[in-house]
Amino acid sequence: MCLGIPMKVVEVAGPGRALCANGDVWVEIDTLLVGDVAPGEWLMTFLGAAREKMDEVSALRSRDALSALEAIMNGGEVDIEAAFADLIDREPQLPEHLRSGAPN
């Protein structure tokens, strides 16, 4: 399984490359799929490559959810409603292309 990690761009490291941070961890990320980036922007990364740009609120929400999953896996206590607040009291939604009547 591959989990996306939200990371903040610290500096542009060259064409298609950026030095990004997730807390104390800094990683050089391939940014070719998302285009030009600037320090302060947030990226969703998978296996060393950015897949999308994201706003700070979404990035921090994702980071909190990942921290909660890590705590659960380590046997810790987690406030599920706080960690997954955007999913509480919400029905799952199919992507537009999978909804009935949508063209394939």
Protein backbone atom coordinates (compact mmCIF):
# COMPACT_ATOMS: atom_id res chain seq x y z
CA MET A 1 0.00 0.00 0.00
CA CYS A 2 1.18 3.50 -0.79
CA LEU A 3 0.09 6.47 1.31
CA GLY A 4 0.31 10.05 0.14
CA ILE A 5 2.32 12.34 2.39
CA PRO A 6 1.55 16.07 2.43
CA MET A 7 4.77 18.07 2.29
CA LYS A 8 5.55 21.78 2.28
CA VAL A 9 7.94 23.17 -0.33
CA VAL A 10 10.97 24.70 1.40
CA GLU A 11 12.96 25.62 -1.70
CA VAL A 12 13.10 24.92 -5.40
CA ALA A 13 16.03 22.57 -6.00
CA GLY A 14 16.17 22.89 -9.78
CA PRO A 15 13.89 22.20 -12.74
CA GLY A 16 11.31 19.62 -11.68
CA ARG A 17 12.74 19.29 -8.16
CA ALA A 18 11.91 20.80 -4.77
CA LEU A 19 13.20 20.37 -1.25
CA CYS A 20 10.11 19.66 0.86
CA ALA A 21 9.47 19.19 4.57
CA ASN A 22 7.16 17.00 6.58
CA GLY A 23 7.90 18.14 10.11
CA ASP A 24 11.60 17.49 10.75
CA VAL A 25 11.95 15.25 7.68
CA TRP A 26 13.23 16.97 4.53
CA VAL A 27 13.11 15.21 1.16
CA GLU A 28 13.90 16.19 -2.41
CA ILE A 29 10.69 15.66 -4.39
CA ASP A 30 10.14 15.27 -8.13
CA THR A 31 7.65 17.98 -9.17
CA LEU A 32 7.39 17.30 -12.90
CA LEU A 33 3.75 16.14 -12.65
CA VAL A 34 2.56 19.32 -10.89
CA GLY A 35 4.55 21.98 -12.75
CA ASP A 36 6.34 24.92 -11.18
CA VAL A 37 6.24 25.18 -7.39
CA ALA A 38 7.21 27.89 -4.94
CA PRO A 39 8.37 27.86 -1.32
CA GLY A 40 5.39 27.67 1.02
CA GLU A 41 3.20 25.61 -1.33
CA TRP A 42 1.87 22.23 -0.17
CA LEU A 43 2.15 19.05 -2.25
CA MET A 44 0.66 15.58 -1.89
CA THR A 45 3.60 13.26 -2.48
CA PHE A 46 3.87 9.54 -3.22
CA LEU A 47 7.17 7.68 -3.31
CA GLY A 48 9.27 10.82 -3.82
CA ALA A 49 7.07 12.49 -6.43
CA ALA A 50 4.41 15.18 -6.12
CA ARG A 51 1.02 14.20 -7.53
CA GLU A 52 -0.97 17.36 -6.78
CA LYS A 53 -0.77 20.80 -5.24
CA MET A 54 -3.02 21.30 -2.24
CA ASP A 55 -4.12 24.09 0.05
CA GLU A 56 -2.71 24.32 3.57
CA VAL A 57 -5.97 23.36 5.30
CA SER A 58 -6.25 20.12 3.29
CA ALA A 59 -2.56 19.36 3.81
CA LEU A 60 -2.77 19.78 7.58
CA ARG A 61 -5.99 17.74 7.71
CA SER A 62 -4.26 14.92 5.82
CA ARG A 63 -1.21 15.14 8.06
CA ASP A 64 -3.41 14.94 11.18
CA ALA A 65 -5.17 11.86 9.80
CA LEU A 66 -1.84 10.17 9.06
CA SER A 67 -0.61 10.98 12.58
CA ALA A 68 -3.78 9.42 14.00
CA LEU A 69 -3.27 6.27 11.93
CA GLU A 70 0.32 6.01 13.14
CA ALA A 71 -0.80 6.40 16.76
CA ILE A 72 -3.46 3.71 16.33
CA MET A 73 -0.92 1.34 14.76
CA ASN A 74 1.37 1.93 17.77
CA GLY A 75 -1.43 1.20 20.24
CA GLY A 76 -2.02 4.81 21.21
CA GLU A 77 -5.24 6.61 22.03
CA VAL A 78 -6.71 8.80 19.28
CA ASP A 79 -9.61 11.22 19.14
CA ILE A 80 -11.07 9.80 15.91
CA GLU A 81 -13.65 12.58 15.55
CA ALA A 82 -10.93 15.23 15.70
CA ALA A 83 -8.52 13.40 13.40
CA PHE A 84 -11.17 12.67 10.77
CA ALA A 85 -13.54 15.61 11.34
CA ASP A 86 -14.15 16.03 7.60
CA LEU A 87 -15.53 12.48 7.39
CA ILE A 88 -17.78 12.47 10.46
CA ASP A 89 -21.51 12.58 9.63
CA ARG A 90 -20.84 12.43 5.88
CA GLU A 91 -22.00 9.81 3.43
CA PRO A 92 -19.39 8.40 1.03
CA GLN A 93 -19.57 10.01 -2.42
CA LEU A 94 -18.73 8.41 -5.72
CA PRO A 95 -16.50 10.35 -8.10
CA GLU A 96 -18.45 12.10 -10.86
CA HIS A 97 -17.38 9.60 -13.54
CA LEU A 98 -18.81 6.66 -11.55
CA ARG A 99 -22.20 8.18 -10.83
CA SER A 100 -25.21 6.74 -12.68
CA GLY A 101 -25.83 8.43 -15.99
CA ALA A 102 -22.34 9.87 -16.30
CA PRO A 103 -20.68 9.30 -19.67
CA ASN A 104 -17.73 6.89 -19.65
